[in-house]
Protein backbone atom coordinates (compact mmCIF):
# COMPACT_ATOMS: atom_id res chain seq x y z
CA MET A 1 24.90 -156.74 -117.62
CA GLU A 2 24.12 -154.22 -115.08
CA CYS A 3 20.68 -155.18 -114.65
CA LYS A 4 21.31 -158.69 -115.50
CA LEU A 5 23.52 -158.25 -112.51
CA LYS A 6 20.94 -156.68 -110.20
CA LEU A 7 18.09 -158.73 -111.15
CA PHE A 8 20.47 -161.93 -110.24
CA LYS A 9 21.32 -160.06 -106.82
CA ASP A 10 17.82 -159.45 -106.19
CA ILE A 11 16.64 -162.93 -106.79
CA ASP A 12 19.65 -163.97 -104.66
CA ALA A 13 17.84 -161.73 -102.36
CA HIS A 14 14.84 -163.37 -102.05
CA LEU A 15 15.87 -166.62 -102.18
CA ILE A 16 17.69 -166.11 -98.84
CA SER A 17 15.56 -163.36 -96.65
CA ASP A 18 11.70 -164.31 -97.49
CA GLY A 19 9.50 -167.10 -96.42
CA LYS A 20 7.93 -167.36 -99.36
CA PRO A 21 10.01 -166.53 -102.34
CA SER A 22 7.44 -167.82 -104.92
CA GLN A 23 5.95 -164.16 -103.93
CA TYR A 24 8.00 -162.47 -105.27
CA LEU A 25 9.46 -165.11 -108.09
CA GLN A 26 5.52 -164.90 -109.51
CA SER A 27 5.99 -161.21 -110.22
CA LEU A 28 8.91 -161.85 -112.35
CA ASN A 29 7.89 -161.27 -115.82
CA GLY A 30 8.77 -158.74 -118.97
CA SER A 31 11.90 -159.31 -121.31
CA LEU A 32 14.73 -159.02 -118.95
CA PHE A 33 13.66 -162.61 -117.38
CA GLU A 34 11.77 -163.86 -120.67
CA LYS A 35 14.28 -162.66 -122.88
CA THR A 36 17.35 -162.22 -121.59
CA HIS A 37 20.03 -165.09 -120.92
CA PRO A 38 20.44 -166.95 -118.61
CA PHE A 39 16.96 -165.80 -117.28
CA ASN A 40 15.05 -166.94 -120.29
CA MET A 41 15.72 -170.41 -118.97
CA LEU A 42 14.02 -170.19 -116.06
CA ALA A 43 10.97 -167.99 -118.12
CA LEU A 44 10.44 -171.28 -120.90
CA LEU A 45 9.61 -173.28 -117.43
CA LYS A 46 6.23 -171.24 -117.25
CA HIS A 47 5.27 -173.02 -120.38
CA ILE A 48 6.45 -176.66 -120.00
CA GLU A 49 3.62 -178.87 -118.67
CA GLN A 50 4.05 -181.88 -116.70
CA SER A 51 2.14 -185.38 -116.22
CA LYS A 52 -1.00 -184.49 -114.52
CA ARG A 53 -0.82 -187.69 -112.45
CA TYR A 54 2.55 -186.72 -110.63
CA HIS A 55 2.32 -183.04 -110.93
CA PRO A 56 -1.37 -181.53 -110.75
CA GLU A 57 0.03 -177.94 -109.56
CA GLY A 58 0.93 -177.86 -113.28
CA SER A 59 4.16 -176.27 -115.48
CA VAL A 60 7.45 -176.61 -114.31
CA TRP A 61 7.43 -173.29 -113.01
CA ASN A 62 4.82 -173.75 -110.92
CA HIS A 63 6.02 -176.87 -108.96
CA THR A 64 9.18 -174.89 -109.43
CA LEU A 65 7.79 -172.52 -106.90
CA MET A 66 6.18 -174.70 -104.25
CA VAL A 67 9.59 -176.24 -104.29
CA VAL A 68 11.07 -173.20 -103.47
CA ASP A 69 8.75 -172.14 -100.67
CA GLU A 70 9.81 -175.63 -98.83
CA ALA A 71 13.42 -174.93 -99.49
CA ALA A 72 13.16 -171.68 -97.51
CA ILE A 73 11.57 -173.83 -94.41
CA ARG A 74 14.39 -176.14 -94.84
CA LYS A 75 17.12 -173.99 -95.98
CA ASP A 76 19.63 -173.81 -92.69
CA LYS A 77 19.65 -177.50 -92.36
CA ALA A 78 21.74 -177.34 -95.54
CA ALA A 79 25.07 -178.50 -95.21
CA LEU A 80 26.39 -177.28 -97.94
CA GLY A 81 24.94 -173.34 -97.29
CA SER A 82 21.40 -172.14 -97.59
CA ARG A 83 22.44 -170.18 -100.82
CA VAL A 84 23.56 -172.96 -102.96
CA PHE A 85 20.40 -175.18 -101.93
CA MET A 86 18.31 -172.07 -102.32
CA TRP A 87 19.89 -171.57 -105.91
CA ALA A 88 19.85 -175.74 -106.50
CA ALA A 89 15.78 -175.52 -105.23
CA LEU A 90 15.28 -172.90 -107.80
CA LEU A 91 17.40 -174.45 -110.63
CA HIS A 92 16.39 -178.32 -109.73
CA ASP A 93 14.22 -178.86 -112.49
CA ILE A 94 15.80 -176.11 -115.05
CA GLY A 95 16.54 -178.94 -117.24
CA LYS A 96 12.83 -179.62 -118.00
CA GLY A 97 13.18 -176.78 -120.53
CA PRO A 98 14.95 -178.93 -123.50
CA ALA A 99 14.03 -182.51 -121.69
CA THR A 100 10.82 -182.25 -121.95
CA LYS A 101 8.73 -184.58 -124.75
CA VAL A 102 5.34 -186.36 -125.60
CA ARG A 103 6.20 -189.91 -126.47
CA GLY A 104 3.15 -192.05 -126.97
CA GLY A 105 0.58 -189.49 -125.43
CA ARG A 106 3.07 -189.33 -122.31
CA ILE A 107 4.36 -186.31 -121.33
CA THR A 108 8.42 -187.28 -119.84
CA ALA A 109 11.47 -185.34 -119.10
CA TYR A 110 13.91 -188.02 -119.40
CA ASP A 111 17.81 -186.83 -118.49
CA HIS A 112 16.77 -183.39 -116.88
CA ASP A 113 18.64 -183.86 -114.02
CA LYS A 114 21.91 -184.20 -116.29
CA ILE A 115 21.22 -182.15 -118.31
CA GLY A 116 20.17 -179.58 -115.76
CA LYS A 117 23.38 -179.58 -114.43
CA LYS A 118 24.87 -178.23 -117.44
CA MET A 119 22.79 -175.44 -117.73
CA ALA A 120 22.90 -174.70 -113.89
CA LYS A 121 26.11 -174.27 -114.55
CA GLU A 122 25.73 -171.73 -117.91
CA PHE A 123 23.59 -169.85 -115.59
CA LEU A 124 25.67 -169.42 -112.56
CA ARG A 125 28.74 -168.74 -114.32
CA GLU A 126 27.42 -165.63 -115.38
CA PHE A 127 27.20 -164.58 -111.53
CA GLU A 128 29.24 -166.94 -109.44
CA ASP A 129 32.65 -168.42 -108.97
CA GLU A 130 33.21 -171.62 -109.93
CA ILE A 131 33.32 -173.47 -105.95
CA PHE A 132 29.53 -172.16 -106.02
CA VAL A 133 28.66 -173.13 -109.43
CA SER A 134 29.80 -176.74 -108.76
CA LYS A 135 28.21 -177.33 -105.45
CA THR A 136 24.93 -175.71 -106.73
CA ALA A 137 24.89 -177.87 -110.16
CA ALA A 138 26.11 -180.83 -108.52
CA LEU A 139 22.58 -180.92 -106.02
CA VAL A 140 20.40 -180.34 -109.43
CA ARG A 141 22.51 -183.28 -111.24
CA TRP A 142 21.75 -185.54 -107.98
CA HIS A 143 18.14 -184.58 -107.11
CA MET A 144 16.37 -187.60 -108.90
CA GLN A 145 18.31 -190.46 -106.60
CA ILE A 146 15.61 -190.53 -104.09
CA LEU A 147 12.91 -191.66 -106.67
CA TYR A 148 15.73 -194.11 -108.68
CA ALA A 149 16.40 -195.45 -105.59
CA SER A 150 13.05 -195.69 -104.46
CA LYS A 151 12.24 -197.53 -107.66
CA ASN A 152 15.69 -199.79 -107.69
CA MET A 153 15.99 -198.20 -111.19
CA ARG A 154 19.43 -198.60 -112.64
CA PHE A 155 20.01 -194.87 -113.11
CA ALA A 156 20.52 -194.84 -109.07
CA ASP A 157 23.99 -194.66 -108.42
CA PHE A 158 25.12 -193.87 -104.70
CA ASP A 159 29.15 -194.01 -105.44
CA ALA A 160 28.80 -191.49 -107.91
CA MET A 161 26.52 -189.17 -105.99
CA LYS A 162 28.93 -189.25 -102.63
CA SER A 163 31.32 -188.22 -104.94
CA GLU A 164 30.09 -185.23 -105.96
CA THR A 165 28.08 -183.43 -103.59
CA ASP A 166 26.28 -184.30 -99.74
CA VAL A 167 24.45 -187.10 -99.38
CA GLN A 168 21.70 -185.15 -96.94
CA ASP A 169 21.55 -182.24 -99.07
CA VAL A 170 20.06 -184.38 -101.86
CA ALA A 171 17.62 -186.00 -99.68
CA LEU A 172 16.59 -182.78 -98.69
CA LEU A 173 16.19 -181.02 -101.90
CA GLY A 174 14.53 -184.26 -102.52
CA LEU A 175 12.09 -184.25 -99.97
CA CYS A 176 11.14 -180.43 -101.34
CA ASP A 177 10.76 -181.80 -104.13
CA ARG A 178 8.61 -184.59 -103.42
CA LEU A 179 6.78 -181.69 -101.05
CA GLY A 180 6.32 -179.55 -103.84
CA ARG A 181 3.48 -180.25 -105.38
CA VAL A 182 -0.46 -180.56 -104.76
CA GLY A 183 -1.60 -183.31 -102.78
CA ALA A 184 1.73 -184.57 -101.35
CA ASP A 185 1.54 -186.47 -98.15
CA LYS A 186 3.93 -185.13 -95.75
CA GLU A 187 4.57 -188.64 -93.96
CA LYS A 188 4.70 -190.60 -96.28
CA GLU A 189 7.36 -188.18 -98.67
CA GLU A 190 9.44 -188.15 -95.12
CA LYS A 191 9.83 -191.88 -94.97
CA THR A 192 10.36 -192.11 -98.38
CA VAL A 193 13.23 -189.79 -97.79
CA GLN A 194 14.72 -191.80 -94.62
CA ASN A 195 15.05 -194.99 -96.27
CA PHE A 196 16.69 -193.48 -98.89
CA LEU A 197 19.39 -192.18 -96.68
CA LYS A 198 19.32 -196.22 -95.01
CA MET A 199 20.11 -197.04 -98.71
CA ALA A 200 22.82 -194.57 -98.82
CA GLY A 201 24.58 -195.52 -95.27
CA ILE A 202 23.47 -192.37 -93.96
């Protein structure tokens, strides 16, 4: 348990202090990270492929590293606090581990946001109090709302989202998510996020 707690604290320190936490996160390997619960849930993402159309950067882990670096630039803007925001960025796609399937030749990850909420709670409960766990997991749960709302999909649920978390932090995390991929158009993504906030009445 002491080794696990030390690794958690090391990750936490780099998430909060580093301009590019990805540089430390890329160095994580070995049995403790890859075979020990709950870190193995993150290590699995190294092997989870994504649609090259939407994620030319490759695996979920590659995408996560890019999102974390985008989040580090913006963490001081987070209403829920920089630690909650940075851990939500790191864990936002953790649900893609079990959710990713190949259907009709297409790579999909349906419900990874809902699955991710449960997995984020499982991960963080080993180290953190329930308030921190709930705030972080809620951001993981709702991080896909920008896509759902912008595409007018039935999964968009502004009322439920507002009851569980801070909408502006969802927008901020969503922006990092959208920018954390190769070839992202920053101006276009910022406009998409602004339109989402208008739809949410913010």
